[in-house]
PDB file of N, CA and C in Angstrom:
ATOM      1  N   MET A   1      -6.317   1.970  12.553  1.00  0.00           N
ATOM      2  CA  MET A   1      -5.101   0.925  12.340  1.00  0.00           C
ATOM      3  C   MET A   1      -4.148   2.022  13.049  1.00  0.00           C
ATOM      4  N   LEU A   2      -3.310   1.766  14.319  1.00  0.00           N
ATOM      5  CA  LEU A   2      -2.115   2.668  14.519  1.00  0.00           C
ATOM      6  C   LEU A   2      -1.001   2.138  13.672  1.00  0.00           C
ATOM      7  N   MET A   3       0.053   3.151  13.626  1.00  0.00           N
ATOM      8  CA  MET A   3       1.218   2.792  12.983  1.00  0.00           C
ATOM      9  C   MET A   3       2.105   2.294  14.137  1.00  0.00           C
ATOM     10  N   PRO A   4       3.281   1.327  13.538  1.00  0.00           N
ATOM     11  CA  PRO A   4       3.985   0.983  14.365  1.00  0.00           C
ATOM     12  C   PRO A   4       4.841   1.597  15.374  1.00  0.00           C
ATOM     13  N   LYS A   5       5.148   1.330  16.201  1.00  0.00           N
ATOM     14  CA  LYS A   5       6.219   2.117  17.147  1.00  0.00           C
ATOM     15  C   LYS A   5       7.206   2.074  16.567  1.00  0.00           C
ATOM     16  N   ASP A   6       7.442   1.258  16.294  1.00  0.00           N
ATOM     17  CA  ASP A   6       8.970   1.176  15.566  1.00  0.00           C
ATOM     18  C   ASP A   6       8.928   2.156  14.103  1.00  0.00           C
ATOM     19  N   PRO A   7       9.688   3.106  13.543  1.00  0.00           N
ATOM     20  CA  PRO A   7       9.438   3.759  12.462  1.00  0.00           C
ATOM     21  C   PRO A   7      10.332   3.186  11.066  1.00  0.00           C
ATOM     22  N   ASN A   8      10.753   1.858  11.763  1.00  0.00           N
ATOM     23  CA  ASN A   8      11.807   0.946  10.554  1.00  0.00           C
ATOM     24  C   ASN A   8      10.757  -0.097  10.221  1.00  0.00           C
ATOM     25  N   ALA A   9      10.106  -0.489  11.212  1.00  0.00           N
ATOM     26  CA  ALA A   9       9.121  -1.633  10.748  1.00  0.00           C
ATOM     27  C   ALA A   9       8.747  -2.256   9.383  1.00  0.00           C
ATOM     28  N   THR A  10       8.678  -3.214   9.364  1.00  0.00           N
ATOM     29  CA  THR A  10       8.334  -3.812   8.057  1.00  0.00           C
ATOM     30  C   THR A  10       6.777  -4.042   8.363  1.00  0.00           C
ATOM     31  N   ILE A  11       6.115  -3.613   7.423  1.00  0.00           N
ATOM     32  CA  ILE A  11       4.763  -4.077   7.589  1.00  0.00           C
ATOM     33  C   ILE A  11       4.349  -4.711   5.815  1.00  0.00           C
ATOM     34  N   ILE A  12       3.347  -5.849   5.959  1.00  0.00           N
ATOM     35  CA  ILE A  12       3.067  -6.610   4.880  1.00  0.00           C
ATOM     36  C   ILE A  12       1.689  -6.642   5.214  1.00  0.00           C
ATOM     37  N   MET A  13       0.745  -6.009   4.003  1.00  0.00           N
ATOM     38  CA  MET A  13      -0.607  -5.816   3.786  1.00  0.00           C
ATOM     39  C   MET A  13      -0.908  -6.666   2.681  1.00  0.00           C
ATOM     40  N   LEU A  14      -2.212  -7.492   2.962  1.00  0.00           N
ATOM     41  CA  LEU A  14      -3.316  -8.541   2.331  1.00  0.00           C
ATOM     42  C   LEU A  14      -4.114  -7.629   1.902  1.00  0.00           C
ATOM     43  N   ALA A  15      -4.836  -7.628   0.196  1.00  0.00           N
ATOM     44  CA  ALA A  15      -6.203  -7.057   0.985  1.00  0.00           C
ATOM     45  C   ALA A  15      -6.855  -7.295  -1.106  1.00  0.00           C
ATOM     46  N   THR A  16      -8.018  -7.547  -0.668  1.00  0.00           N
ATOM     47  CA  THR A  16      -9.203  -7.787  -2.400  1.00  0.00           C
ATOM     48  C   THR A  16     -10.025  -6.919  -2.372  1.00  0.00           C
ATOM     49  N   GLY A  17     -10.126  -6.350  -3.568  1.00  0.00           N
ATOM     50  CA  GLY A  17     -11.633  -5.701  -4.074  1.00  0.00           C
ATOM     51  C   GLY A  17     -11.313  -4.825  -2.329  1.00  0.00           C
ATOM     52  N   THR A  18     -12.838  -3.938  -2.660  1.00  0.00           N
ATOM     53  CA  THR A  18     -13.177  -2.867  -1.999  1.00  0.00           C
ATOM     54  C   THR A  18     -12.355  -2.853  -0.317  1.00  0.00           C
ATOM     55  N   GLY A  19     -11.683  -4.358   0.231  1.00  0.00           N
ATOM     56  CA  GLY A  19     -11.039  -4.532   1.282  1.00  0.00           C
ATOM     57  C   GLY A  19      -9.777  -3.422   1.495  1.00  0.00           C
ATOM     58  N   ILE A  20      -9.310  -2.705   0.463  1.00  0.00           N
ATOM     59  CA  ILE A  20      -8.116  -2.005  -0.335  1.00  0.00           C
ATOM     60  C   ILE A  20      -8.418  -0.408   0.398  1.00  0.00           C
ATOM     61  N   ALA A  21      -9.686  -0.113   1.263  1.00  0.00           N
ATOM     62  CA  ALA A  21     -10.062   0.811   2.090  1.00  0.00           C
ATOM     63  C   ALA A  21      -9.264   1.558   2.950  1.00  0.00           C
ATOM     64  N   PRO A  22      -8.983   0.409   4.253  1.00  0.00           N
ATOM     65  CA  PRO A  22      -8.657   1.110   5.174  1.00  0.00           C
ATOM     66  C   PRO A  22      -6.809   0.580   5.303  1.00  0.00           C
ATOM     67  N   PHE A  23      -6.881   0.127   4.490  1.00  0.00           N
ATOM     68  CA  PHE A  23      -4.920  -0.138   4.276  1.00  0.00           C
ATOM     69  C   PHE A  23      -4.683   1.443   3.314  1.00  0.00           C
ATOM     70  N   ARG A  24      -5.297   1.758   2.400  1.00  0.00           N
ATOM     71  CA  ARG A  24      -5.286   3.124   1.972  1.00  0.00           C
ATOM     72  C   ARG A  24      -4.753   4.158   2.421  1.00  0.00           C
ATOM     73  N   SER A  25      -5.989   4.082   3.632  1.00  0.00           N
ATOM     74  CA  SER A  25      -5.262   5.410   4.609  1.00  0.00           C
ATOM     75  C   SER A  25      -4.103   5.164   5.723  1.00  0.00           C
ATOM     76  N   PHE A  26      -4.209   4.155   6.160  1.00  0.00           N
ATOM     77  CA  PHE A  26      -2.898   3.814   6.577  1.00  0.00           C
ATOM     78  C   PHE A  26      -2.002   4.441   5.511  1.00  0.00           C
ATOM     79  N   LEU A  27      -1.722   3.873   4.257  1.00  0.00           N
ATOM     80  CA  LEU A  27      -0.087   4.312   3.358  1.00  0.00           C
ATOM     81  C   LEU A  27      -0.807   5.561   3.465  1.00  0.00           C
ATOM     82  N   TRP A  28      -1.215   6.120   3.357  1.00  0.00           N
ATOM     83  CA  TRP A  28      -1.624   7.597   3.277  1.00  0.00           C
ATOM     84  C   TRP A  28      -1.254   8.571   4.530  1.00  0.00           C
ATOM     85  N   LYS A  29      -1.324   8.058   5.989  1.00  0.00           N
ATOM     86  CA  LYS A  29      -0.508   8.783   6.776  1.00  0.00           C
ATOM     87  C   LYS A  29       1.448   8.256   7.027  1.00  0.00           C
ATOM     88  N   MET A  30       0.957   7.656   6.625  1.00  0.00           N
ATOM     89  CA  MET A  30       2.742   6.435   6.387  1.00  0.00           C
ATOM     90  C   MET A  30       2.905   7.422   5.890  1.00  0.00           C
ATOM     91  N   PHE A  31       2.941   7.880   4.136  1.00  0.00           N
ATOM     92  CA  PHE A  31       2.999   8.323   3.555  1.00  0.00           C
ATOM     93  C   PHE A  31       3.452  10.072   2.778  1.00  0.00           C
ATOM     94  N   PHE A  32       1.784  10.733   3.142  1.00  0.00           N
ATOM     95  CA  PHE A  32       1.236  11.875   3.119  1.00  0.00           C
ATOM     96  C   PHE A  32       1.527  13.255   3.909  1.00  0.00           C
ATOM     97  N   GLU A  33       1.083  12.355   5.119  1.00  0.00           N
ATOM     98  CA  GLU A  33       0.909  13.050   6.427  1.00  0.00           C
ATOM     99  C   GLU A  33       1.992  13.822   6.868  1.00  0.00           C
ATOM    100  N   LYS A  34       1.880  14.949   6.858  1.00  0.00           N
ATOM    101  CA  LYS A  34       3.380  15.146   8.459  1.00  0.00           C
ATOM    102  C   LYS A  34       3.007  15.379   9.527  1.00  0.00           C
ATOM    103  N   HIS A  35       4.002  14.488  10.451  1.00  0.00           N
ATOM    104  CA  HIS A  35       3.750  13.708  11.817  1.00  0.00           C
ATOM    105  C   HIS A  35       4.990  15.197  12.570  1.00  0.00           C
ATOM    106  N   ASP A  36       4.896  15.415  13.155  1.00  0.00           N
ATOM    107  CA  ASP A  36       6.337  16.676  14.210  1.00  0.00           C
ATOM    108  C   ASP A  36       6.898  15.552  14.726  1.00  0.00           C
ATOM    109  N   ASP A  37       6.361  14.284  15.078  1.00  0.00           N
ATOM    110  CA  ASP A  37       6.587  13.210  15.958  1.00  0.00           C
ATOM    111  C   ASP A  37       6.772  11.613  15.832  1.00  0.00           C
ATOM    112  N   TYR A  38       7.014  12.017  14.744  1.00  0.00           N
ATOM    113  CA  TYR A  38       7.005  10.876  13.665  1.00  0.00           C
ATOM    114  C   TYR A  38       7.014  10.636  12.417  1.00  0.00           C
ATOM    115  N   LYS A  39       7.969   9.684  11.629  1.00  0.00           N
ATOM    116  CA  LYS A  39       8.206   9.488  10.367  1.00  0.00           C
ATOM    117  C   LYS A  39       8.498   7.670   9.943  1.00  0.00           C
ATOM    118  N   PHE A  40       7.917   7.820   9.190  1.00  0.00           N
ATOM    119  CA  PHE A  40       7.535   6.126   8.751  1.00  0.00           C
ATOM    120  C   PHE A  40       9.084   6.216   7.969  1.00  0.00           C
ATOM    121  N   ASN A  41      10.038   5.033   8.380  1.00  0.00           N
ATOM    122  CA  ASN A  41      11.259   5.135   7.498  1.00  0.00           C
ATOM    123  C   ASN A  41      11.056   3.302   6.810  1.00  0.00           C
ATOM    124  N   GLY A  42      10.664   2.738   7.660  1.00  0.00           N
ATOM    125  CA  GLY A  42      10.312   1.294   6.930  1.00  0.00           C
ATOM    126  C   GLY A  42       9.829   0.547   5.922  1.00  0.00           C
ATOM    127  N   LEU A  43       9.600  -0.492   5.934  1.00  0.00           N
ATOM    128  CA  LEU A  43       8.749  -0.792   4.433  1.00  0.00           C
ATOM    129  C   LEU A  43       7.606  -1.335   4.497  1.00  0.00           C
ATOM    130  N   ALA A  44       6.423  -0.971   3.427  1.00  0.00           N
ATOM    131  CA  ALA A  44       5.358  -1.151   3.333  1.00  0.00           C
ATOM    132  C   ALA A  44       5.143  -1.950   2.324  1.00  0.00           C
ATOM    133  N   TRP A  45       5.042  -3.054   1.992  1.00  0.00           N
ATOM    134  CA  TRP A  45       4.689  -4.014   1.158  1.00  0.00           C
ATOM    135  C   TRP A  45       3.026  -4.656   1.217  1.00  0.00           C
ATOM    136  N   LEU A  46       2.413  -3.745  -0.375  1.00  0.00           N
ATOM    137  CA  LEU A  46       0.764  -4.259  -0.608  1.00  0.00           C
ATOM    138  C   LEU A  46       0.424  -5.567  -1.169  1.00  0.00           C
ATOM    139  N   PHE A  47      -0.320  -6.148  -0.649  1.00  0.00           N
ATOM    140  CA  PHE A  47      -0.285  -7.325  -2.104  1.00  0.00           C
ATOM    141  C   PHE A  47      -1.724  -7.145  -2.135  1.00  0.00           C
ATOM    142  N   LEU A  48      -2.375  -6.699  -3.231  1.00  0.00           N
ATOM    143  CA  LEU A  48      -3.748  -6.524  -3.491  1.00  0.00           C
ATOM    144  C   LEU A  48      -4.433  -7.439  -4.738  1.00  0.00           C
ATOM    145  N   GLY A  49      -5.541  -8.038  -4.270  1.00  0.00           N
ATOM    146  CA  GLY A  49      -5.926  -9.268  -5.609  1.00  0.00           C
ATOM    147  C   GLY A  49      -7.541  -9.133  -5.982  1.00  0.00           C
ATOM    148  N   VAL A  50      -7.211  -9.279  -7.351  1.00  0.00           N
ATOM    149  CA  VAL A  50      -8.625  -8.433  -8.034  1.00  0.00           C
ATOM    150  C   VAL A  50      -8.824  -9.902  -8.453  1.00  0.00           C
ATOM    151  N   PRO A  51     -10.083 -10.465  -8.862  1.00  0.00           N
ATOM    152  CA  PRO A  51     -10.647 -10.578 -10.765  1.00  0.00           C
ATOM    153  C   PRO A  51      -9.791 -10.566 -11.732  1.00  0.00           C
ATOM    154  N   THR A  52      -9.705  -9.397 -11.989  1.00  0.00           N
ATOM    155  CA  THR A  52      -9.888  -9.022 -13.666  1.00  0.00           C
ATOM    156  C   THR A  52      -9.234  -7.384 -13.306  1.00  0.00           C
ATOM    157  N   SER A  53      -8.297  -7.003 -14.297  1.00  0.00           N
ATOM    158  CA  SER A  53      -7.234  -5.933 -14.077  1.00  0.00           C
ATOM    159  C   SER A  53      -8.073  -4.486 -14.192  1.00  0.00           C
ATOM    160  N   SER A  54      -9.318  -4.640 -14.494  1.00  0.00           N
ATOM    161  CA  SER A  54     -10.515  -3.561 -14.634  1.00  0.00           C
ATOM    162  C   SER A  54     -10.927  -3.158 -13.158  1.00  0.00           C
ATOM    163  N   SER A  55     -11.010  -4.423 -12.602  1.00  0.00           N
ATOM    164  CA  SER A  55     -11.227  -4.421 -11.064  1.00  0.00           C
ATOM    165  C   SER A  55     -10.135  -3.830 -10.254  1.00  0.00           C
ATOM    166  N   LEU A  56      -9.463  -3.479 -10.294  1.00  0.00           N
ATOM    167  CA  LEU A  56      -8.061  -2.505  -9.564  1.00  0.00           C
ATOM    168  C   LEU A  56      -7.953  -1.097  -9.203  1.00  0.00           C
ATOM    169  N   LEU A  57      -8.175  -1.181  -7.855  1.00  0.00           N
ATOM    170  CA  LEU A  57      -8.374  -0.007  -7.240  1.00  0.00           C
ATOM    171  C   LEU A  57      -7.435   1.253  -7.248  1.00  0.00           C
ATOM    172  N   TYR A  58      -7.122   1.977  -7.271  1.00  0.00           N
ATOM    173  CA  TYR A  58      -6.252   2.826  -7.183  1.00  0.00           C
ATOM    174  C   TYR A  58      -5.093   2.606  -7.872  1.00  0.00           C
ATOM    175  N   LYS A  59      -5.128   1.720  -8.395  1.00  0.00           N
ATOM    176  CA  LYS A  59      -3.351   1.188  -9.094  1.00  0.00           C
ATOM    177  C   LYS A  59      -2.190   2.649  -9.416  1.00  0.00           C
ATOM    178  N   GLU A  60      -3.070   3.576 -10.126  1.00  0.00           N
ATOM    179  CA  GLU A  60      -2.408   4.799 -10.796  1.00  0.00           C
ATOM    180  C   GLU A  60      -1.854   5.365  -9.409  1.00  0.00           C
ATOM    181  N   GLU A  61      -2.450   5.293  -8.644  1.00  0.00           N
ATOM    182  CA  GLU A  61      -2.295   6.177  -6.911  1.00  0.00           C
ATOM    183  C   GLU A  61      -1.089   5.524  -6.254  1.00  0.00           C
ATOM    184  N   PHE A  62      -0.930   4.256  -6.085  1.00  0.00           N
ATOM    185  CA  PHE A  62      -0.033   3.048  -5.598  1.00  0.00           C
ATOM    186  C   PHE A  62       0.720   3.197  -6.386  1.00  0.00           C
ATOM    187  N   GLU A  63       0.893   3.021  -7.939  1.00  0.00           N
ATOM    188  CA  GLU A  63       2.513   2.915  -8.749  1.00  0.00           C
ATOM    189  C   GLU A  63       2.851   4.128  -8.688  1.00  0.00           C
ATOM    190  N   LYS A  64       1.759   6.186  -8.318  1.00  0.00           N
ATOM    191  CA  LYS A  64       2.915   7.106  -7.887  1.00  0.00           C
ATOM    192  C   LYS A  64       3.837   6.815  -6.762  1.00  0.00           C
ATOM    193  N   MET A  65       2.307   6.556  -5.357  1.00  0.00           N
ATOM    194  CA  MET A  65       3.715   6.276  -4.073  1.00  0.00           C
ATOM    195  C   MET A  65       4.666   5.494  -3.957  1.00  0.00           C
ATOM    196  N   LYS A  66       4.530   4.184  -4.925  1.00  0.00           N
ATOM    197  CA  LYS A  66       5.910   3.251  -5.104  1.00  0.00           C
ATOM    198  C   LYS A  66       7.064   4.431  -5.997  1.00  0.00           C
ATOM    199  N   GLU A  67       6.729   5.077  -6.693  1.00  0.00           N
ATOM    200  CA  GLU A  67       7.579   6.246  -7.609  1.00  0.00           C
ATOM    201  C   GLU A  67       8.080   7.113  -6.175  1.00  0.00           C
ATOM    202  N   LYS A  68       7.741   7.918  -5.460  1.00  0.00           N
ATOM    203  CA  LYS A  68       7.859   8.345  -4.404  1.00  0.00           C
ATOM    204  C   LYS A  68       8.562   8.101  -3.384  1.00  0.00           C
ATOM    205  N   ASN A  69       8.217   6.721  -3.223  1.00  0.00           N
ATOM    206  CA  ASN A  69       9.072   6.365  -2.012  1.00  0.00           C
ATOM    207  C   ASN A  69       9.393   4.533  -2.675  1.00  0.00           C
ATOM    208  N   PRO A  70      10.717   5.392  -3.078  1.00  0.00           N
ATOM    209  CA  PRO A  70      11.521   3.564  -3.700  1.00  0.00           C
ATOM    210  C   PRO A  70      11.934   2.371  -2.580  1.00  0.00           C
ATOM    211  N   GLY A  71      12.335   3.213  -1.773  1.00  0.00           N
ATOM    212  CA  GLY A  71      13.105   2.262  -0.471  1.00  0.00           C
ATOM    213  C   GLY A  71      12.124   1.864   0.700  1.00  0.00           C
ATOM    214  N   ASN A  72      10.421   2.666   0.619  1.00  0.00           N
ATOM    215  CA  ASN A  72       9.594   2.449   2.309  1.00  0.00           C
ATOM    216  C   ASN A  72       8.159   1.919   0.676  1.00  0.00           C
ATOM    217  N   PHE A  73       7.932   1.632   0.137  1.00  0.00           N
ATOM    218  CA  PHE A  73       6.705   1.049  -0.287  1.00  0.00           C
ATOM    219  C   PHE A  73       6.836   0.281  -1.746  1.00  0.00           C
ATOM    220  N   ARG A  74       6.712  -1.204  -1.256  1.00  0.00           N
ATOM    221  CA  ARG A  74       6.433  -1.853  -2.765  1.00  0.00           C
ATOM    222  C   ARG A  74       4.406  -2.369  -2.805  1.00  0.00           C
ATOM    223  N   VAL A  75       4.371  -2.194  -4.105  1.00  0.00           N
ATOM    224  CA  VAL A  75       3.230  -3.392  -4.671  1.00  0.00           C
ATOM    225  C   VAL A  75       2.675  -3.672  -5.390  1.00  0.00           C
ATOM    226  N   ASP A  76       2.129  -5.469  -4.920  1.00  0.00           N
ATOM    227  CA  ASP A  76       2.106  -6.634  -5.721  1.00  0.00           C
ATOM    228  C   ASP A  76       1.192  -6.528  -6.309  1.00  0.00           C
ATOM    229  N   PHE A  77      -0.065  -6.649  -7.615  1.00  0.00           N
ATOM    230  CA  PHE A  77      -0.966  -7.133  -8.186  1.00  0.00           C
ATOM    231  C   PHE A  77      -1.075  -8.736  -8.527  1.00  0.00           C
ATOM    232  N   ALA A  78      -2.250  -9.129  -7.579  1.00  0.00           N
ATOM    233  CA  ALA A  78      -2.657 -10.425  -8.749  1.00  0.00           C
ATOM    234  C   ALA A  78      -4.018  -9.968  -8.827  1.00  0.00           C
ATOM    235  N   VAL A  79      -3.607 -10.728 -10.169  1.00  0.00           N
ATOM    236  CA  VAL A  79      -5.144 -11.151 -10.744  1.00  0.00           C
ATOM    237  C   VAL A  79      -5.389 -12.259 -11.028  1.00  0.00           C
ATOM    238  N   SER A  80      -6.436 -12.600 -10.527  1.00  0.00           N
ATOM    239  CA  SER A  80      -6.738 -13.915 -11.010  1.00  0.00           C
ATOM    240  C   SER A  80      -8.019 -14.834 -11.702  1.00  0.00           C
ATOM    241  N   ARG A  81      -8.206 -13.759 -13.081  1.00  0.00           N
ATOM    242  CA  ARG A  81      -9.343 -14.405 -13.703  1.00  0.00           C
ATOM    243  C   ARG A  81      -9.389 -14.007 -14.767  1.00  0.00           C
ATOM    244  N   GLU A  82      -8.029 -13.623 -15.361  1.00  0.00           N
ATOM    245  CA  GLU A  82      -8.067 -13.242 -16.892  1.00  0.00           C
ATOM    246  C   GLU A  82      -6.992 -14.058 -16.931  1.00  0.00           C
ATOM    247  N   GLN A  83      -7.084 -13.959 -18.777  1.00  0.00           N
ATOM    248  CA  GLN A  83      -6.502 -14.910 -19.552  1.00  0.00           C
ATOM    249  C   GLN A  83      -5.362 -14.320 -20.561  1.00  0.00           C
ATOM    250  N   THR A  84      -3.815 -15.135 -20.105  1.00  0.00           N
ATOM    251  CA  THR A  84      -2.906 -14.106 -20.546  1.00  0.00           C
ATOM    252  C   THR A  84      -2.671 -14.228 -22.173  1.00  0.00           C
TER     253      THR A  84
END
């Protein structure tokens, strides 16, 4: 995936289960890799759906990413098959 030309873009990502892998690397490019000619300043919003909370991959990593980039990263988890 390519970074948006507009560094202030809003990017919405939807993934389920292991389909999170390409989005995870995309988020690393946005927030952790240093680029001389590009800095992402927009909003990256991730929706991750799984059947059970034990299936949530990288939950702690995404929550830390949210803490470090509060104005630029949002994550919402959707758990479909657990009783509340």
